Amino acid sequence: MSRPALQLLLAASGAREPGDLADDDLVELYRYPEDGRRRLRTNFVSSLDGSVQGLEGKSGGLGTATDAYVFALHRALADAVVVGASTVRREGYRSIDLQPWQSDVREQLGLSPFPALVIISGSARLDPAIAQPGQGSGGPVMIITTSGKPAADLVRLRDAGMEVVESGRTIDLEVALDLLTQRGWSRLLCEGGPGLHRNLLAAGLVDELSLTLAPVVVGGQGLRSTAGAALAATVGFDLAFALLGADQTLFTSYRARRPSILAST
């Protein structure tokens, strides 16, 4: 995939001047801090009227050339991609495979060949075909689910090559992320869905929020980037930078307002 033109509009730190970005500049903007601490970044694309679903009900319907590239860059920089089961089913997820340029980025940064796909699913009712990449080779697939299920309900997933982790009567998201960190997966990317995103925010686990605004309006009753009950309190973020694609797609990156996080980035 050739990289579409992207321009830096604003860097809140003042460390970079606005202007066109080279490949290395873009990687440097988005890559995770090298301090060994766990970081969870969430990534959503939204229409101008706030929907994270296109006309056909999938987020891909909002995609532009620049969004496709930045989406792929996020994956290239992550150790693991964390997704809720509903999004996996709706969007047709498979084991994550990469294009050559993504593999080059990972090699340059000393990352493993592929990011893992980690699915959060209370029911574990998933198609075993998810373990197979769309083409070529792909990364590992882990399912984190609740305990107490009959072994026969999980054997087909394990036989397909997925790792199934049973995590108590309910899934504690902080415990789940700690498990991933213990595996050496400290660079975490959540691609949804809105219910999982809401719960991660409620638990104070989101460190960065990357929100892309596609230059379209869709109307209807599409989902927002969060779904479910209102949070007990608002969660504050500070703008880190903003980019503009040649196709008028706007990319924003926000950091959670937690001094212990911001001081080290």
Protein backbone atom coordinates (compact mmCIF):
# COMPACT_ATOMS: atom_id res chain seq x y z
CA MET A 1 0.00 0.00 0.00
CA SER A 2 1.45 3.38 -0.99
CA ARG A 3 1.17 5.92 1.79
CA PRO A 4 -1.31 8.74 1.17
CA ALA A 5 -0.12 12.26 1.97
CA LEU A 6 -0.60 13.34 5.59
CA GLN A 7 0.06 16.74 7.10
CA LEU A 8 0.67 17.55 10.74
CA LEU A 9 -1.71 20.31 11.79
CA LEU A 10 -0.88 20.55 15.47
CA ALA A 11 1.46 18.95 17.98
CA ALA A 12 0.51 20.02 21.48
CA SER A 13 4.00 19.38 22.81
CA GLY A 14 5.46 21.90 20.38
CA ALA A 15 8.18 19.41 19.49
CA ARG A 16 7.17 19.31 15.83
CA GLU A 17 6.35 22.01 13.34
CA PRO A 18 3.20 21.68 11.21
CA GLY A 19 3.80 20.38 7.70
CA ASP A 20 4.01 17.28 5.53
CA LEU A 21 5.11 14.06 7.22
CA ALA A 22 7.66 11.56 5.95
CA ASP A 23 7.20 7.86 6.71
CA ASP A 24 9.59 7.93 9.67
CA ASP A 25 7.84 11.01 11.10
CA LEU A 26 4.48 9.25 11.04
CA VAL A 27 5.86 6.15 12.76
CA GLU A 28 7.50 8.32 15.40
CA LEU A 29 4.22 10.13 16.12
CA TYR A 30 2.26 6.92 16.63
CA ARG A 31 4.77 4.52 18.10
CA TYR A 32 4.41 3.55 21.75
CA PRO A 33 6.82 4.93 24.38
CA GLU A 34 9.85 2.70 24.96
CA ASP A 35 9.61 2.63 28.76
CA GLY A 36 8.27 -0.91 29.17
CA ARG A 37 4.98 0.25 30.67
CA ARG A 38 1.67 -1.01 29.38
CA ARG A 39 -0.21 1.39 27.11
CA LEU A 40 -3.72 0.83 25.83
CA ARG A 41 -4.67 2.86 22.77
CA THR A 42 -8.20 2.80 21.37
CA ASN A 43 -8.85 3.57 17.71
CA PHE A 44 -12.16 4.54 16.12
CA VAL A 45 -13.30 6.16 12.89
CA SER A 46 -16.44 8.27 13.08
CA SER A 47 -18.59 10.14 10.60
CA LEU A 48 -18.98 13.89 11.06
CA ASP A 49 -22.34 13.24 12.68
CA GLY A 50 -20.89 10.84 15.24
CA SER A 51 -21.58 7.36 13.85
CA VAL A 52 -18.91 4.65 13.93
CA GLN A 53 -20.91 2.66 11.36
CA GLY A 54 -21.23 3.30 7.65
CA LEU A 55 -24.44 2.84 5.67
CA GLU A 56 -24.00 -0.94 5.60
CA GLY A 57 -23.49 -1.15 9.38
CA LYS A 58 -19.71 -1.67 9.42
CA SER A 59 -16.95 0.76 10.32
CA GLY A 60 -15.24 -0.03 7.02
CA GLY A 61 -17.99 1.90 5.28
CA LEU A 62 -16.49 5.10 6.68
CA GLY A 63 -12.97 4.31 5.54
CA THR A 64 -10.84 6.51 3.33
CA ALA A 65 -7.41 5.84 1.85
CA THR A 66 -5.64 7.68 4.64
CA ASP A 67 -7.73 6.00 7.34
CA ALA A 68 -6.90 2.57 5.91
CA TYR A 69 -3.21 3.42 6.08
CA VAL A 70 -3.26 4.80 9.63
CA PHE A 71 -5.41 1.85 10.76
CA ALA A 72 -2.77 -0.49 9.35
CA LEU A 73 0.02 1.52 11.00
CA HIS A 74 -1.68 1.19 14.39
CA ARG A 75 -1.63 -2.58 13.94
CA ALA A 76 1.99 -2.55 12.80
CA LEU A 77 3.00 -0.83 16.05
CA ALA A 78 0.99 -3.00 18.49
CA ASP A 79 1.88 -6.20 20.32
CA ALA A 80 -1.79 -7.19 20.55
CA VAL A 81 -5.10 -6.01 19.12
CA VAL A 82 -7.91 -6.29 21.68
CA VAL A 83 -11.48 -6.57 20.35
CA GLY A 84 -14.92 -7.41 21.70
CA ALA A 85 -16.68 -10.48 20.33
CA SER A 86 -19.60 -8.57 18.79
CA THR A 87 -17.19 -6.48 16.71
CA VAL A 88 -15.30 -9.61 15.68
CA ARG A 89 -18.52 -11.15 14.37
CA ARG A 90 -19.86 -7.98 12.72
CA GLU A 91 -16.62 -6.94 11.04
CA GLY A 92 -15.45 -10.42 10.04
CA TYR A 93 -12.17 -10.48 11.95
CA ARG A 94 -9.46 -13.04 11.22
CA SER A 95 -5.99 -13.75 12.59
CA ILE A 96 -3.97 -10.62 11.82
CA ASP A 97 -1.77 -10.77 8.74
CA LEU A 98 0.37 -7.91 7.50
CA GLN A 99 1.49 -6.23 4.34
CA PRO A 100 5.25 -6.11 3.65
CA TRP A 101 5.56 -2.46 4.72
CA GLN A 102 3.93 -3.26 8.08
CA SER A 103 6.36 -6.13 8.59
CA ASP A 104 9.24 -3.77 7.78
CA VAL A 105 8.06 -1.33 10.45
CA ARG A 106 7.87 -4.13 13.03
CA GLU A 107 11.30 -5.42 12.13
CA GLN A 108 12.83 -1.95 12.42
CA LEU A 109 11.32 -1.54 15.89
CA GLY A 110 12.29 -5.02 17.06
CA LEU A 111 8.71 -6.29 17.41
CA SER A 112 7.46 -9.83 16.88
CA PRO A 113 6.48 -10.77 13.31
CA PHE A 114 2.73 -10.36 13.95
CA PRO A 115 0.49 -8.78 16.57
CA ALA A 116 -1.80 -11.13 18.46
CA LEU A 117 -5.57 -10.88 18.14
CA VAL A 118 -7.16 -10.94 21.62
CA ILE A 119 -10.94 -11.40 21.73
CA ILE A 120 -12.93 -10.56 24.86
CA SER A 121 -16.00 -12.81 24.89
CA GLY A 122 -18.17 -13.86 27.81
CA SER A 123 -19.87 -16.58 25.75
CA ALA A 124 -16.93 -17.73 23.57
CA ARG A 125 -19.47 -18.34 20.80
CA LEU A 126 -17.06 -17.67 17.97
CA ASP A 127 -16.28 -19.16 14.59
CA PRO A 128 -13.06 -21.22 14.73
CA ALA A 129 -12.21 -19.85 11.27
CA ILE A 130 -11.15 -16.63 13.01
CA ALA A 131 -7.86 -18.39 13.77
CA GLN A 132 -7.02 -18.45 10.06
CA PRO A 133 -5.54 -15.30 8.47
CA GLY A 134 -7.18 -13.71 5.47
CA GLN A 135 -4.15 -14.55 3.35
CA GLY A 136 -0.64 -15.83 3.97
CA SER A 137 0.56 -16.12 7.55
CA GLY A 138 -1.04 -14.56 10.60
CA GLY A 139 -0.50 -13.92 14.29
CA PRO A 140 -1.77 -15.85 17.30
CA VAL A 141 -5.37 -15.64 18.48
CA MET A 142 -6.35 -15.59 22.15
CA ILE A 143 -9.88 -15.66 23.57
CA ILE A 144 -10.45 -14.40 27.11
CA THR A 145 -13.75 -15.73 28.39
CA THR A 146 -15.56 -16.62 31.60
CA SER A 147 -14.93 -19.88 33.42
CA GLY A 148 -17.25 -22.82 34.02
CA LYS A 149 -18.04 -23.78 30.45
CA PRO A 150 -18.11 -27.47 29.46
CA ALA A 151 -14.78 -28.44 27.93
CA ALA A 152 -16.57 -29.56 24.78
CA ASP A 153 -17.72 -25.97 24.18
CA LEU A 154 -14.13 -24.78 23.94
CA VAL A 155 -12.37 -27.70 22.33
CA ARG A 156 -13.27 -26.66 18.77
CA LEU A 157 -11.67 -23.27 19.36
CA ARG A 158 -8.53 -24.81 20.83
CA ASP A 159 -8.38 -27.38 18.03
CA ALA A 160 -8.40 -24.49 15.53
CA GLY A 161 -5.26 -23.14 17.18
CA MET A 162 -6.75 -20.47 19.44
CA GLU A 163 -5.59 -20.06 23.00
CA VAL A 164 -8.60 -19.94 25.33
CA VAL A 165 -8.14 -18.31 28.73
CA GLU A 166 -10.91 -18.77 31.28
CA SER A 167 -10.91 -15.76 33.57
CA GLY A 168 -13.36 -16.24 36.43
CA ARG A 169 -17.13 -15.87 36.59
CA THR A 170 -16.90 -12.42 35.04
CA ILE A 171 -14.13 -10.88 32.96
CA ASP A 172 -12.12 -8.35 34.93
CA LEU A 173 -10.62 -6.14 32.22
CA GLU A 174 -7.70 -4.98 34.34
CA VAL A 175 -6.78 -8.58 35.11
CA ALA A 176 -7.11 -9.39 31.41
CA LEU A 177 -4.74 -6.58 30.42
CA ASP A 178 -2.32 -7.63 33.15
CA LEU A 179 -2.29 -11.10 31.62
CA LEU A 180 -1.36 -9.65 28.24
CA THR A 181 1.41 -7.58 29.80
CA GLN A 182 2.80 -10.69 31.46
CA ARG A 183 3.01 -12.23 27.99
CA GLY A 184 5.21 -9.33 26.93
CA TRP A 185 2.36 -7.59 25.09
CA SER A 186 2.56 -4.09 26.58
CA ARG A 187 1.66 -2.18 23.40
CA LEU A 188 -2.09 -2.72 23.23
CA LEU A 189 -4.55 -1.52 20.61
CA CYS A 190 -8.31 -1.74 21.10
CA GLU A 191 -10.41 -1.52 17.93
CA GLY A 192 -13.79 -1.78 19.68
CA GLY A 193 -16.50 -2.38 19.99
CA PRO A 194 -18.34 0.43 21.73
CA GLY A 195 -19.38 -1.70 24.72
CA LEU A 196 -15.83 -2.85 25.42
CA HIS A 197 -14.55 0.70 24.88
CA ARG A 198 -17.04 2.06 27.41
CA ASN A 199 -16.01 -0.53 30.00
CA LEU A 200 -12.29 0.12 29.48
CA LEU A 201 -12.91 3.84 29.97
CA ALA A 202 -14.98 3.19 33.09
CA ALA A 203 -12.13 1.12 34.54
CA GLY A 204 -9.58 3.86 33.82
CA LEU A 205 -7.60 1.61 31.47
CA VAL A 206 -7.47 3.74 28.32
CA ASP A 207 -4.22 5.68 27.97
CA GLU A 208 -4.68 7.05 24.45
CA LEU A 209 -7.68 7.60 22.22
CA SER A 210 -7.16 7.90 18.47
CA LEU A 211 -10.29 9.28 16.85
CA THR A 212 -10.53 9.68 13.09
CA LEU A 213 -13.18 11.91 11.53
CA ALA A 214 -14.23 10.76 8.07
CA PRO A 215 -15.46 13.65 5.89
CA VAL A 216 -18.97 12.20 5.48
CA VAL A 217 -22.39 12.36 7.12
CA VAL A 218 -24.47 9.17 7.30
CA GLY A 219 -27.55 9.94 9.42
CA GLY A 220 -29.47 7.04 10.91
CA GLN A 221 -29.02 5.46 14.33
CA GLY A 222 -25.41 4.28 14.08
CA LEU A 223 -23.40 3.42 17.18
CA ARG A 224 -21.11 5.89 18.90
CA SER A 225 -17.60 4.91 20.02
CA THR A 226 -19.06 3.97 23.41
CA ALA A 227 -22.25 2.09 24.23
CA GLY A 228 -23.97 1.21 27.47
CA ALA A 229 -24.61 2.99 30.74
CA ALA A 230 -23.31 6.49 31.32
CA LEU A 231 -19.97 6.70 33.08
CA ALA A 232 -19.95 7.62 36.78
CA ALA A 233 -17.80 10.64 35.87
CA THR A 234 -16.47 12.16 32.69
CA VAL A 235 -13.05 10.93 31.54
CA GLY A 236 -10.74 13.75 30.50
CA PHE A 237 -8.23 13.68 27.63
CA ASP A 238 -5.68 16.15 26.26
CA LEU A 239 -5.00 16.57 22.56
CA ALA A 240 -1.52 15.29 21.61
CA PHE A 241 -1.60 15.95 17.87
CA ALA A 242 -3.87 16.31 14.83
CA LEU A 243 -3.22 15.27 11.23
CA LEU A 244 -5.04 15.99 7.98
CA GLY A 245 -5.09 13.55 5.10
CA ALA A 246 -5.08 14.61 1.47
CA ASP A 247 -8.61 13.16 1.26
CA GLN A 248 -9.77 15.53 4.05
CA THR A 249 -9.79 12.83 6.75
CA LEU A 250 -8.92 14.30 10.15
CA PHE A 251 -6.87 12.27 12.65
CA THR A 252 -6.72 13.19 16.31
CA SER A 253 -4.73 11.62 19.13
CA TYR A 254 -5.69 12.23 22.75
CA ARG A 255 -3.86 11.23 25.93
CA ALA A 256 -5.68 10.39 29.16
CA ARG A 257 -5.40 13.12 31.77
CA ARG A 258 -3.32 11.07 34.20
CA PRO A 259 -0.10 12.81 35.33
CA SER A 260 1.75 9.52 35.84
CA ILE A 261 1.16 8.64 32.18
CA LEU A 262 1.68 12.06 30.63
CA ALA A 263 4.89 12.71 32.49
CA SER A 264 6.60 9.77 30.83
CA THR A 265 5.49 10.36 27.22
